[in-house]
Amino acid sequence: MMISDLAFHILLALGDGPSHGYAIGKDVESRSGGRLDPTTGALYQALRRLTDDGLIVPVEAPEEADPRRKYFALTRQGRRAAAKEAERLDDLVRTARQRKLYPQRA
């Protein structure tokens, strides 16, 4: 299963545990160096698609959290999808290094 750049960043944002939409969006923006700055609509559309695909699930908000916020967590399938995408990207970087398009490790 091929996942979009935004979807991969969302899965990465949930790698440390459940989070709510706003925090996920901020993590995506930060981790991508501002390259990805999903609008609320685009973010929630991606969250809905990842939920429909079984990669994330809505979870109960922590007791101290604002009950209006929607929290999400990775599923086992979501972790596998993130790992597979990371492996695919690693293979691309390895190829780029072999072809001297990306610096070798120090």
N, C-alpha and C. Protein backbone atom coordinates (compact mmCIF):
# COMPACT_ATOMS: atom_id res chain seq x y z
N MET A 1 0.84 -1.18 0.00
CA MET A 1 0.00 0.00 0.00
C MET A 1 0.89 1.25 0.00
N MET A 2 0.71 2.09 -0.98
CA MET A 2 1.46 3.34 -1.08
C MET A 2 0.72 4.40 -0.26
N ILE A 3 1.47 5.13 0.57
CA ILE A 3 0.82 6.19 1.35
C ILE A 3 1.42 7.54 0.95
N SER A 4 0.60 8.56 1.07
CA SER A 4 1.04 9.91 0.70
C SER A 4 2.04 10.45 1.72
N ASP A 5 2.71 11.50 1.31
CA ASP A 5 3.67 12.16 2.19
C ASP A 5 2.97 12.65 3.46
N LEU A 6 1.81 13.26 3.29
CA LEU A 6 1.05 13.75 4.46
C LEU A 6 0.66 12.58 5.36
N ALA A 7 0.18 11.50 4.78
CA ALA A 7 -0.22 10.34 5.58
C ALA A 7 0.96 9.78 6.37
N PHE A 8 2.14 9.70 5.73
CA PHE A 8 3.33 9.20 6.41
C PHE A 8 3.69 10.10 7.59
N HIS A 9 3.64 11.40 7.38
CA HIS A 9 3.94 12.34 8.46
C HIS A 9 2.93 12.22 9.61
N ILE A 10 1.68 11.95 9.29
CA ILE A 10 0.68 11.75 10.34
C ILE A 10 1.01 10.49 11.14
N LEU A 11 1.36 9.42 10.44
CA LEU A 11 1.72 8.18 11.14
C LEU A 11 2.94 8.41 12.02
N LEU A 12 3.92 9.18 11.53
CA LEU A 12 5.10 9.51 12.34
C LEU A 12 4.69 10.30 13.59
N ALA A 13 3.76 11.23 13.42
CA ALA A 13 3.31 12.05 14.54
C ALA A 13 2.66 11.19 15.63
N LEU A 14 2.05 10.09 15.23
CA LEU A 14 1.38 9.21 16.19
C LEU A 14 2.29 8.09 16.70
N GLY A 15 3.53 8.08 16.25
CA GLY A 15 4.47 7.02 16.64
C GLY A 15 4.75 6.95 18.12
N ASP A 16 4.67 8.09 18.81
CA ASP A 16 4.94 8.11 20.25
C ASP A 16 3.69 7.92 21.09
N GLY A 17 2.53 7.84 20.46
CA GLY A 17 1.30 7.65 21.20
C GLY A 17 0.18 8.52 20.67
N PRO A 18 -1.01 8.35 21.22
CA PRO A 18 -2.19 9.08 20.75
C PRO A 18 -1.99 10.59 20.81
N SER A 19 -2.66 11.27 19.88
CA SER A 19 -2.60 12.73 19.83
C SER A 19 -3.87 13.24 19.18
N HIS A 20 -4.12 14.54 19.33
CA HIS A 20 -5.31 15.15 18.73
C HIS A 20 -4.92 15.87 17.44
N GLY A 21 -5.92 16.15 16.63
CA GLY A 21 -5.72 16.71 15.31
C GLY A 21 -4.83 17.93 15.26
N TYR A 22 -5.05 18.90 16.13
CA TYR A 22 -4.27 20.13 16.09
C TYR A 22 -2.78 19.83 16.34
N ALA A 23 -2.50 19.00 17.35
CA ALA A 23 -1.12 18.65 17.66
C ALA A 23 -0.48 17.85 16.52
N ILE A 24 -1.25 16.99 15.89
CA ILE A 24 -0.76 16.22 14.75
C ILE A 24 -0.36 17.18 13.63
N GLY A 25 -1.24 18.14 13.33
CA GLY A 25 -0.96 19.12 12.28
C GLY A 25 0.30 19.91 12.56
N LYS A 26 0.49 20.33 13.82
CA LYS A 26 1.68 21.09 14.21
C LYS A 26 2.94 20.22 14.08
N ASP A 27 2.85 18.95 14.44
CA ASP A 27 3.98 18.03 14.32
C ASP A 27 4.35 17.85 12.85
N VAL A 28 3.34 17.68 12.00
CA VAL A 28 3.58 17.51 10.56
C VAL A 28 4.28 18.74 10.01
N GLU A 29 3.79 19.92 10.36
CA GLU A 29 4.39 21.16 9.88
C GLU A 29 5.84 21.28 10.35
N SER A 30 6.07 20.99 11.62
CA SER A 30 7.41 21.10 12.19
C SER A 30 8.37 20.07 11.59
N ARG A 31 7.95 18.81 11.56
CA ARG A 31 8.81 17.72 11.07
C ARG A 31 9.15 17.90 9.59
N SER A 32 8.25 18.51 8.83
CA SER A 32 8.51 18.69 7.40
C SER A 32 9.23 20.01 7.12
N GLY A 33 9.61 20.72 8.17
CA GLY A 33 10.30 21.99 7.99
C GLY A 33 9.41 23.03 7.33
N GLY A 34 8.10 22.91 7.52
CA GLY A 34 7.15 23.85 6.94
C GLY A 34 6.75 23.51 5.51
N ARG A 35 7.37 22.48 4.95
CA ARG A 35 7.02 22.07 3.57
C ARG A 35 5.58 21.59 3.51
N LEU A 36 5.16 20.90 4.56
CA LEU A 36 3.76 20.48 4.66
C LEU A 36 3.10 21.30 5.76
N ASP A 37 2.07 22.02 5.43
CA ASP A 37 1.31 22.81 6.40
C ASP A 37 -0.16 22.56 6.09
N PRO A 38 -0.64 21.39 6.53
CA PRO A 38 -1.99 20.99 6.13
C PRO A 38 -3.07 21.90 6.72
N THR A 39 -4.00 22.29 5.88
CA THR A 39 -5.16 23.03 6.37
C THR A 39 -5.97 22.07 7.22
N THR A 40 -6.84 22.61 8.04
CA THR A 40 -7.67 21.75 8.89
C THR A 40 -8.45 20.75 8.04
N GLY A 41 -9.01 21.21 6.93
CA GLY A 41 -9.79 20.32 6.06
C GLY A 41 -8.95 19.19 5.50
N ALA A 42 -7.76 19.53 5.00
CA ALA A 42 -6.88 18.50 4.41
C ALA A 42 -6.41 17.52 5.48
N LEU A 43 -6.10 18.03 6.66
CA LEU A 43 -5.64 17.17 7.75
C LEU A 43 -6.74 16.19 8.15
N TYR A 44 -7.95 16.69 8.37
CA TYR A 44 -9.02 15.80 8.81
C TYR A 44 -9.48 14.86 7.71
N GLN A 45 -9.33 15.26 6.46
CA GLN A 45 -9.62 14.35 5.35
C GLN A 45 -8.60 13.20 5.36
N ALA A 46 -7.33 13.53 5.59
CA ALA A 46 -6.29 12.50 5.66
C ALA A 46 -6.52 11.59 6.87
N LEU A 47 -6.88 12.18 8.02
CA LEU A 47 -7.17 11.38 9.21
C LEU A 47 -8.34 10.43 8.96
N ARG A 48 -9.36 10.92 8.27
CA ARG A 48 -10.52 10.07 7.95
C ARG A 48 -10.10 8.92 7.02
N ARG A 49 -9.27 9.24 6.02
CA ARG A 49 -8.81 8.20 5.08
C ARG A 49 -7.96 7.15 5.81
N LEU A 50 -7.07 7.61 6.68
CA LEU A 50 -6.23 6.66 7.44
C LEU A 50 -7.08 5.80 8.37
N THR A 51 -8.14 6.39 8.93
CA THR A 51 -9.08 5.62 9.77
C THR A 51 -9.81 4.59 8.93
N ASP A 52 -10.32 5.01 7.76
CA ASP A 52 -11.02 4.09 6.87
C ASP A 52 -10.13 2.94 6.41
N ASP A 53 -8.82 3.23 6.25
CA ASP A 53 -7.87 2.21 5.81
C ASP A 53 -7.38 1.33 6.96
N GLY A 54 -7.81 1.64 8.20
CA GLY A 54 -7.43 0.83 9.35
C GLY A 54 -6.03 1.11 9.88
N LEU A 55 -5.43 2.25 9.48
CA LEU A 55 -4.07 2.57 9.92
C LEU A 55 -4.05 3.34 11.24
N ILE A 56 -5.13 4.05 11.53
CA ILE A 56 -5.29 4.74 12.80
C ILE A 56 -6.71 4.51 13.30
N VAL A 57 -6.92 4.75 14.58
CA VAL A 57 -8.25 4.63 15.16
C VAL A 57 -8.50 5.82 16.08
N PRO A 58 -9.76 6.27 16.14
CA PRO A 58 -10.09 7.29 17.14
C PRO A 58 -10.01 6.64 18.52
N VAL A 59 -9.51 7.38 19.48
CA VAL A 59 -9.41 6.87 20.85
C VAL A 59 -9.99 7.89 21.81
N GLU A 60 -10.29 7.42 23.00
CA GLU A 60 -10.81 8.27 24.07
C GLU A 60 -9.78 9.34 24.44
N ALA A 61 -10.24 10.55 24.60
CA ALA A 61 -9.35 11.64 25.03
C ALA A 61 -8.92 11.39 26.48
N PRO A 62 -7.68 11.76 26.81
CA PRO A 62 -7.25 11.65 28.21
C PRO A 62 -8.18 12.48 29.10
N GLU A 63 -8.29 12.10 30.34
CA GLU A 63 -9.21 12.76 31.27
C GLU A 63 -9.00 14.27 31.35
N GLU A 64 -7.73 14.69 31.37
CA GLU A 64 -7.42 16.11 31.53
C GLU A 64 -7.56 16.91 30.23
N ALA A 65 -7.84 16.23 29.11
CA ALA A 65 -7.90 16.88 27.81
C ALA A 65 -9.25 17.55 27.56
N ASP A 66 -9.24 18.49 26.63
CA ASP A 66 -10.46 19.13 26.17
C ASP A 66 -11.31 18.07 25.48
N PRO A 67 -12.51 17.79 25.97
CA PRO A 67 -13.32 16.71 25.41
C PRO A 67 -13.78 16.96 23.96
N ARG A 68 -13.64 18.19 23.48
CA ARG A 68 -14.04 18.48 22.10
C ARG A 68 -12.98 18.02 21.09
N ARG A 69 -11.78 17.76 21.57
CA ARG A 69 -10.70 17.34 20.67
C ARG A 69 -10.82 15.86 20.35
N LYS A 70 -10.56 15.55 19.08
CA LYS A 70 -10.57 14.16 18.64
C LYS A 70 -9.16 13.61 18.69
N TYR A 71 -8.99 12.51 19.40
CA TYR A 71 -7.68 11.87 19.53
C TYR A 71 -7.62 10.64 18.63
N PHE A 72 -6.42 10.37 18.15
CA PHE A 72 -6.18 9.23 17.26
C PHE A 72 -4.95 8.47 17.73
N ALA A 73 -4.91 7.18 17.40
CA ALA A 73 -3.75 6.34 17.73
C ALA A 73 -3.46 5.43 16.55
N LEU A 74 -2.20 5.01 16.44
CA LEU A 74 -1.81 4.05 15.41
C LEU A 74 -2.37 2.68 15.72
N THR A 75 -2.70 1.96 14.68
CA THR A 75 -3.03 0.54 14.82
C THR A 75 -1.76 -0.26 14.50
N ARG A 76 -1.79 -1.55 14.73
CA ARG A 76 -0.66 -2.40 14.36
C ARG A 76 -0.40 -2.29 12.85
N GLN A 77 -1.48 -2.27 12.09
CA GLN A 77 -1.37 -2.13 10.63
C GLN A 77 -0.75 -0.77 10.27
N GLY A 78 -1.08 0.28 11.02
CA GLY A 78 -0.51 1.60 10.80
C GLY A 78 0.99 1.62 11.07
N ARG A 79 1.40 0.94 12.13
CA ARG A 79 2.84 0.85 12.43
C ARG A 79 3.58 0.12 11.31
N ARG A 80 2.96 -0.96 10.81
CA ARG A 80 3.59 -1.72 9.71
C ARG A 80 3.68 -0.85 8.46
N ALA A 81 2.62 -0.09 8.16
CA ALA A 81 2.63 0.78 6.98
C ALA A 81 3.71 1.85 7.10
N ALA A 82 3.85 2.44 8.30
CA ALA A 82 4.88 3.46 8.51
C ALA A 82 6.27 2.85 8.36
N ALA A 83 6.47 1.66 8.91
CA ALA A 83 7.77 0.99 8.80
C ALA A 83 8.10 0.66 7.35
N LYS A 84 7.10 0.21 6.62
CA LYS A 84 7.30 -0.14 5.21
C LYS A 84 7.66 1.11 4.39
N GLU A 85 6.99 2.23 4.67
CA GLU A 85 7.29 3.47 3.96
C GLU A 85 8.69 3.97 4.32
N ALA A 86 9.07 3.87 5.59
CA ALA A 86 10.41 4.27 6.01
C ALA A 86 11.46 3.42 5.30
N GLU A 87 11.19 2.13 5.17
CA GLU A 87 12.11 1.24 4.47
C GLU A 87 12.22 1.62 2.99
N ARG A 88 11.10 1.96 2.37
CA ARG A 88 11.09 2.39 0.96
C ARG A 88 11.94 3.65 0.79
N LEU A 89 11.76 4.60 1.70
CA LEU A 89 12.53 5.85 1.62
C LEU A 89 14.02 5.59 1.86
N ASP A 90 14.33 4.68 2.79
CA ASP A 90 15.72 4.32 3.06
C ASP A 90 16.37 3.72 1.81
N ASP A 91 15.62 2.88 1.10
CA ASP A 91 16.13 2.28 -0.14
C ASP A 91 16.42 3.36 -1.17
N LEU A 92 15.56 4.37 -1.27
CA LEU A 92 15.78 5.47 -2.21
C LEU A 92 17.03 6.26 -1.85
N VAL A 93 17.22 6.52 -0.56
CA VAL A 93 18.40 7.26 -0.12
C VAL A 93 19.66 6.44 -0.42
N ARG A 94 19.60 5.14 -0.19
CA ARG A 94 20.74 4.27 -0.49
C ARG A 94 21.10 4.34 -1.97
N THR A 95 20.09 4.32 -2.83
CA THR A 95 20.31 4.42 -4.27
C THR A 95 20.91 5.78 -4.62
N ALA A 96 20.41 6.84 -4.01
CA ALA A 96 20.94 8.18 -4.27
C ALA A 96 22.41 8.26 -3.85
N ARG A 97 22.77 7.62 -2.75
CA ARG A 97 24.17 7.61 -2.30
C ARG A 97 25.04 6.84 -3.28
N GLN A 98 24.54 5.70 -3.74
CA GLN A 98 25.31 4.88 -4.69
C GLN A 98 25.59 5.65 -5.97
N ARG A 99 24.66 6.51 -6.34
CA ARG A 99 24.82 7.27 -7.59
C ARG A 99 25.41 8.65 -7.34
N LYS A 100 25.93 8.82 -6.12
CA LYS A 100 26.61 10.06 -5.72
C LYS A 100 25.70 11.30 -5.86
N LEU A 101 24.42 11.09 -5.58
CA LEU A 101 23.45 12.19 -5.62
C LEU A 101 23.14 12.70 -4.21
N TYR A 102 23.65 12.00 -3.23
CA TYR A 102 23.42 12.35 -1.83
C TYR A 102 24.71 12.03 -1.08
N PRO A 103 25.14 12.89 -0.18
CA PRO A 103 26.43 12.66 0.49
C PRO A 103 26.47 11.35 1.27
N GLN A 104 27.65 10.77 1.28
CA GLN A 104 27.86 9.56 2.08
C GLN A 104 27.83 9.92 3.56
N ARG A 105 27.58 8.93 4.38
CA ARG A 105 27.62 9.16 5.83
C ARG A 105 29.03 9.52 6.25
N ALA A 106 29.14 10.34 7.28
CA ALA A 106 30.46 10.76 7.78
C ALA A 106 31.13 9.64 8.53
